[in-house]
Amino acid sequence: MVSFKINIIKMKQLILDIQDLLKKNWKVILALAIVFYLLYSYADIKNGILDGWIGR
């Protein structure tokens, strides 16, 4: 019974820590997500720009 209460307290603290992290650093997390998306989609973005500009 005691260990179950300890686990519940640890989970609540974990959730509070994650919420605090997101509140304080949401701009950095969003910037990283955008950078990763742009790096991952570079070939598609490049092809789209070239198709629109050159008209291939």
PDB file of N, CA and C in Angstrom:
ATOM      1  N   MET A   1       0.820  -1.187   0.000  1.00  0.00           N
ATOM      2  CA  MET A   1       0.000   0.000   0.000  1.00  0.00           C
ATOM      3  C   MET A   1       0.872   1.262   0.000  1.00  0.00           C
ATOM      4  N   VAL A   2       1.936   1.241   0.744  1.00  0.00           N
ATOM      5  CA  VAL A   2       2.807   2.406   0.835  1.00  0.00           C
ATOM      6  C   VAL A   2       3.490   2.665  -0.504  1.00  0.00           C
ATOM      7  N   SER A   3       3.990   1.626  -1.160  1.00  0.00           N
ATOM      8  CA  SER A   3       4.674   1.818  -2.433  1.00  0.00           C
ATOM      9  C   SER A   3       3.725   2.305  -3.516  1.00  0.00           C
ATOM     10  N   PHE A   4       2.454   1.907  -3.429  1.00  0.00           N
ATOM     11  CA  PHE A   4       1.468   2.375  -4.400  1.00  0.00           C
ATOM     12  C   PHE A   4       1.267   3.883  -4.262  1.00  0.00           C
ATOM     13  N   LYS A   5       1.205   4.384  -3.026  1.00  0.00           N
ATOM     14  CA  LYS A   5       1.058   5.829  -2.810  1.00  0.00           C
ATOM     15  C   LYS A   5       2.288   6.572  -3.304  1.00  0.00           C
ATOM     16  N   ILE A   6       3.450   5.983  -3.096  1.00  0.00           N
ATOM     17  CA  ILE A   6       4.686   6.613  -3.561  1.00  0.00           C
ATOM     18  C   ILE A   6       4.685   6.701  -5.082  1.00  0.00           C
ATOM     19  N   ASN A   7       4.229   5.644  -5.754  1.00  0.00           N
ATOM     20  CA  ASN A   7       4.178   5.666  -7.221  1.00  0.00           C
ATOM     21  C   ASN A   7       3.197   6.704  -7.732  1.00  0.00           C
ATOM     22  N   ILE A   8       2.058   6.848  -7.058  1.00  0.00           N
ATOM     23  CA  ILE A   8       1.074   7.856  -7.467  1.00  0.00           C
ATOM     24  C   ILE A   8       1.675   9.250  -7.292  1.00  0.00           C
ATOM     25  N   ILE A   9       2.361   9.473  -6.185  1.00  0.00           N
ATOM     26  CA  ILE A   9       2.980  10.779  -5.934  1.00  0.00           C
ATOM     27  C   ILE A   9       4.058  11.057  -6.986  1.00  0.00           C
ATOM     28  N   LYS A  10       4.842  10.041  -7.343  1.00  0.00           N
ATOM     29  CA  LYS A  10       5.882  10.232  -8.353  1.00  0.00           C
ATOM     30  C   LYS A  10       5.272  10.536  -9.716  1.00  0.00           C
ATOM     31  N   MET A  11       4.170   9.873 -10.056  1.00  0.00           N
ATOM     32  CA  MET A  11       3.521  10.128 -11.344  1.00  0.00           C
ATOM     33  C   MET A  11       2.939  11.539 -11.385  1.00  0.00           C
ATOM     34  N   LYS A  12       2.328  11.977 -10.286  1.00  0.00           N
ATOM     35  CA  LYS A  12       1.793  13.341 -10.240  1.00  0.00           C
ATOM     36  C   LYS A  12       2.919  14.364 -10.382  1.00  0.00           C
ATOM     37  N   GLN A  13       4.042  14.107  -9.725  1.00  0.00           N
ATOM     38  CA  GLN A  13       5.185  15.011  -9.826  1.00  0.00           C
ATOM     39  C   GLN A  13       5.748  15.019 -11.247  1.00  0.00           C
ATOM     40  N   LEU A  14       5.779  13.862 -11.887  1.00  0.00           N
ATOM     41  CA  LEU A  14       6.249  13.776 -13.267  1.00  0.00           C
ATOM     42  C   LEU A  14       5.363  14.596 -14.187  1.00  0.00           C
ATOM     43  N   ILE A  15       4.065  14.483 -14.024  1.00  0.00           N
ATOM     44  CA  ILE A  15       3.127  15.248 -14.856  1.00  0.00           C
ATOM     45  C   ILE A  15       3.303  16.741 -14.626  1.00  0.00           C
ATOM     46  N   LEU A  16       3.465  17.137 -13.359  1.00  0.00           N
ATOM     47  CA  LEU A  16       3.683  18.556 -13.056  1.00  0.00           C
ATOM     48  C   LEU A  16       4.995  19.057 -13.654  1.00  0.00           C
ATOM     49  N   ASP A  17       6.024  18.228 -13.605  1.00  0.00           N
ATOM     50  CA  ASP A  17       7.315  18.619 -14.183  1.00  0.00           C
ATOM     51  C   ASP A  17       7.217  18.780 -15.700  1.00  0.00           C
ATOM     52  N   ILE A  18       6.506  17.877 -16.359  1.00  0.00           N
ATOM     53  CA  ILE A  18       6.340  17.968 -17.816  1.00  0.00           C
ATOM     54  C   ILE A  18       5.544  19.214 -18.184  1.00  0.00           C
ATOM     55  N   GLN A  19       4.481  19.504 -17.428  1.00  0.00           N
ATOM     56  CA  GLN A  19       3.693  20.711 -17.690  1.00  0.00           C
ATOM     57  C   GLN A  19       4.542  21.968 -17.500  1.00  0.00           C
ATOM     58  N   ASP A  20       5.346  21.987 -16.460  1.00  0.00           N
ATOM     59  CA  ASP A  20       6.216  23.132 -16.198  1.00  0.00           C
ATOM     60  C   ASP A  20       7.243  23.299 -17.323  1.00  0.00           C
ATOM     61  N   LEU A  21       7.803  22.183 -17.778  1.00  0.00           N
ATOM     62  CA  LEU A  21       8.765  22.220 -18.881  1.00  0.00           C
ATOM     63  C   LEU A  21       8.127  22.790 -20.137  1.00  0.00           C
ATOM     64  N   LEU A  22       6.914  22.360 -20.461  1.00  0.00           N
ATOM     65  CA  LEU A  22       6.236  22.854 -21.653  1.00  0.00           C
ATOM     66  C   LEU A  22       5.873  24.330 -21.522  1.00  0.00           C
ATOM     67  N   LYS A  23       5.449  24.749 -20.337  1.00  0.00           N
ATOM     68  CA  LYS A  23       5.092  26.160 -20.138  1.00  0.00           C
ATOM     69  C   LYS A  23       6.301  27.074 -20.285  1.00  0.00           C
ATOM     70  N   LYS A  24       7.445  26.641 -19.777  1.00  0.00           N
ATOM     71  CA  LYS A  24       8.630  27.494 -19.794  1.00  0.00           C
ATOM     72  C   LYS A  24       9.386  27.433 -21.114  1.00  0.00           C
ATOM     73  N   ASN A  25       9.316  26.327 -21.850  1.00  0.00           N
ATOM     74  CA  ASN A  25      10.162  26.143 -23.026  1.00  0.00           C
ATOM     75  C   ASN A  25       9.382  25.832 -24.301  1.00  0.00           C
ATOM     76  N   TRP A  26       8.134  26.265 -24.400  1.00  0.00           N
ATOM     77  CA  TRP A  26       7.340  25.902 -25.561  1.00  0.00           C
ATOM     78  C   TRP A  26       7.887  26.515 -26.841  1.00  0.00           C
ATOM     79  N   LYS A  27       8.499  27.673 -26.755  1.00  0.00           N
ATOM     80  CA  LYS A  27       9.037  28.323 -27.955  1.00  0.00           C
ATOM     81  C   LYS A  27      10.223  27.531 -28.515  1.00  0.00           C
ATOM     82  N   VAL A  28      11.083  27.049 -27.641  1.00  0.00           N
ATOM     83  CA  VAL A  28      12.247  26.267 -28.074  1.00  0.00           C
ATOM     84  C   VAL A  28      11.796  24.932 -28.659  1.00  0.00           C
ATOM     85  N   ILE A  29      10.830  24.298 -28.005  1.00  0.00           N
ATOM     86  CA  ILE A  29      10.319  23.013 -28.494  1.00  0.00           C
ATOM     87  C   ILE A  29       9.665  23.194 -29.857  1.00  0.00           C
ATOM     88  N   LEU A  30       8.893  24.259 -30.030  1.00  0.00           N
ATOM     89  CA  LEU A  30       8.256  24.532 -31.314  1.00  0.00           C
ATOM     90  C   LEU A  30       9.294  24.824 -32.394  1.00  0.00           C
ATOM     91  N   ALA A  31      10.323  25.590 -32.073  1.00  0.00           N
ATOM     92  CA  ALA A  31      11.375  25.901 -33.045  1.00  0.00           C
ATOM     93  C   ALA A  31      12.106  24.633 -33.471  1.00  0.00           C
ATOM     94  N   LEU A  32      12.407  23.753 -32.521  1.00  0.00           N
ATOM     95  CA  LEU A  32      13.064  22.490 -32.867  1.00  0.00           C
ATOM     96  C   LEU A  32      12.179  21.625 -33.749  1.00  0.00           C
ATOM     97  N   ALA A  33      10.898  21.583 -33.455  1.00  0.00           N
ATOM     98  CA  ALA A  33       9.975  20.789 -34.269  1.00  0.00           C
ATOM     99  C   ALA A  33       9.922  21.324 -35.700  1.00  0.00           C
ATOM    100  N   ILE A  34       9.898  22.642 -35.856  1.00  0.00           N
ATOM    101  CA  ILE A  34       9.859  23.240 -37.199  1.00  0.00           C
ATOM    102  C   ILE A  34      11.153  22.954 -37.947  1.00  0.00           C
ATOM    103  N   VAL A  35      12.283  23.073 -37.281  1.00  0.00           N
ATOM    104  CA  VAL A  35      13.573  22.799 -37.922  1.00  0.00           C
ATOM    105  C   VAL A  35      13.646  21.340 -38.367  1.00  0.00           C
ATOM    106  N   PHE A  36      13.249  20.420 -37.502  1.00  0.00           N
ATOM    107  CA  PHE A  36      13.271  19.010 -37.885  1.00  0.00           C
ATOM    108  C   PHE A  36      12.330  18.731 -39.049  1.00  0.00           C
ATOM    109  N   TYR A  37      11.154  19.373 -39.055  1.00  0.00           N
ATOM    110  CA  TYR A  37      10.215  19.187 -40.159  1.00  0.00           C
ATOM    111  C   TYR A  37      10.814  19.703 -41.468  1.00  0.00           C
ATOM    112  N   LEU A  38      11.425  20.878 -41.420  1.00  0.00           N
ATOM    113  CA  LEU A  38      12.007  21.444 -42.637  1.00  0.00           C
ATOM    114  C   LEU A  38      13.174  20.599 -43.148  1.00  0.00           C
ATOM    115  N   LEU A  39      14.004  20.087 -42.242  1.00  0.00           N
ATOM    116  CA  LEU A  39      15.106  19.225 -42.660  1.00  0.00           C
ATOM    117  C   LEU A  39      14.590  17.916 -43.256  1.00  0.00           C
ATOM    118  N   TYR A  40      13.564  17.368 -42.656  1.00  0.00           N
ATOM    119  CA  TYR A  40      12.999  16.103 -43.132  1.00  0.00           C
ATOM    120  C   TYR A  40      12.309  16.283 -44.484  1.00  0.00           C
ATOM    121  N   SER A  41      11.692  17.433 -44.714  1.00  0.00           N
ATOM    122  CA  SER A  41      10.923  17.675 -45.936  1.00  0.00           C
ATOM    123  C   SER A  41      11.684  18.502 -46.958  1.00  0.00           C
ATOM    124  N   TYR A  42      12.994  18.622 -46.821  1.00  0.00           N
ATOM    125  CA  TYR A  42      13.777  19.489 -47.686  1.00  0.00           C
ATOM    126  C   TYR A  42      13.608  19.129 -49.171  1.00  0.00           C
ATOM    127  N   ALA A  43      13.671  17.867 -49.493  1.00  0.00           N
ATOM    128  CA  ALA A  43      13.580  17.452 -50.903  1.00  0.00           C
ATOM    129  C   ALA A  43      12.221  17.823 -51.489  1.00  0.00           C
ATOM    130  N   ASP A  44      11.147  17.612 -50.743  1.00  0.00           N
ATOM    131  CA  ASP A  44       9.812  17.953 -51.235  1.00  0.00           C
ATOM    132  C   ASP A  44       9.642  19.465 -51.395  1.00  0.00           C
ATOM    133  N   ILE A  45      10.150  20.216 -50.434  1.00  0.00           N
ATOM    134  CA  ILE A  45      10.054  21.677 -50.507  1.00  0.00           C
ATOM    135  C   ILE A  45      10.853  22.193 -51.703  1.00  0.00           C
ATOM    136  N   LYS A  46      12.055  21.665 -51.888  1.00  0.00           N
ATOM    137  CA  LYS A  46      12.902  22.084 -53.008  1.00  0.00           C
ATOM    138  C   LYS A  46      12.220  21.774 -54.342  1.00  0.00           C
ATOM    139  N   ASN A  47      11.672  20.568 -54.478  1.00  0.00           N
ATOM    140  CA  ASN A  47      10.988  20.198 -55.714  1.00  0.00           C
ATOM    141  C   ASN A  47       9.767  21.077 -55.967  1.00  0.00           C
ATOM    142  N   GLY A  48       9.030  21.414 -54.915  1.00  0.00           N
ATOM    143  CA  GLY A  48       7.871  22.283 -55.067  1.00  0.00           C
ATOM    144  C   GLY A  48       8.248  23.673 -55.523  1.00  0.00           C
ATOM    145  N   ILE A  49       9.313  24.213 -54.972  1.00  0.00           N
ATOM    146  CA  ILE A  49       9.768  25.551 -55.374  1.00  0.00           C
ATOM    147  C   ILE A  49      10.255  25.530 -56.824  1.00  0.00           C
ATOM    148  N   LEU A  50      11.039  24.516 -57.179  1.00  0.00           N
ATOM    149  CA  LEU A  50      11.546  24.444 -58.541  1.00  0.00           C
ATOM    150  C   LEU A  50      10.414  24.237 -59.539  1.00  0.00           C
ATOM    151  N   ASP A  51       9.427  23.412 -59.193  1.00  0.00           N
ATOM    152  CA  ASP A  51       8.288  23.194 -60.094  1.00  0.00           C
ATOM    153  C   ASP A  51       7.503  24.489 -60.279  1.00  0.00           C
ATOM    154  N   GLY A  52       7.338  25.245 -59.214  1.00  0.00           N
ATOM    155  CA  GLY A  52       6.571  26.499 -59.317  1.00  0.00           C
ATOM    156  C   GLY A  52       7.335  27.582 -60.044  1.00  0.00           C
ATOM    157  N   TRP A  53       8.651  27.630 -59.846  1.00  0.00           N
ATOM    158  CA  TRP A  53       9.450  28.685 -60.435  1.00  0.00           C
ATOM    159  C   TRP A  53       9.772  28.388 -61.889  1.00  0.00           C
ATOM    160  N   ILE A  54      10.221  27.185 -62.167  1.00  0.00           N
ATOM    161  CA  ILE A  54      10.618  26.816 -63.522  1.00  0.00           C
ATOM    162  C   ILE A  54       9.409  26.373 -64.335  1.00  0.00           C
ATOM    163  N   GLY A  55       8.431  25.802 -63.664  1.00  0.00           N
ATOM    164  CA  GLY A  55       7.233  25.351 -64.346  1.00  0.00           C
ATOM    165  C   GLY A  55       7.397  23.984 -64.989  1.00  0.00           C
ATOM    166  N   ARG A  56       8.196  23.126 -64.345  1.00  0.00           N
ATOM    167  CA  ARG A  56       8.386  21.773 -64.881  1.00  0.00           C
ATOM    168  C   ARG A  56       7.147  20.951 -64.722  1.00  0.00           C
TER     169      ARG A  56
END
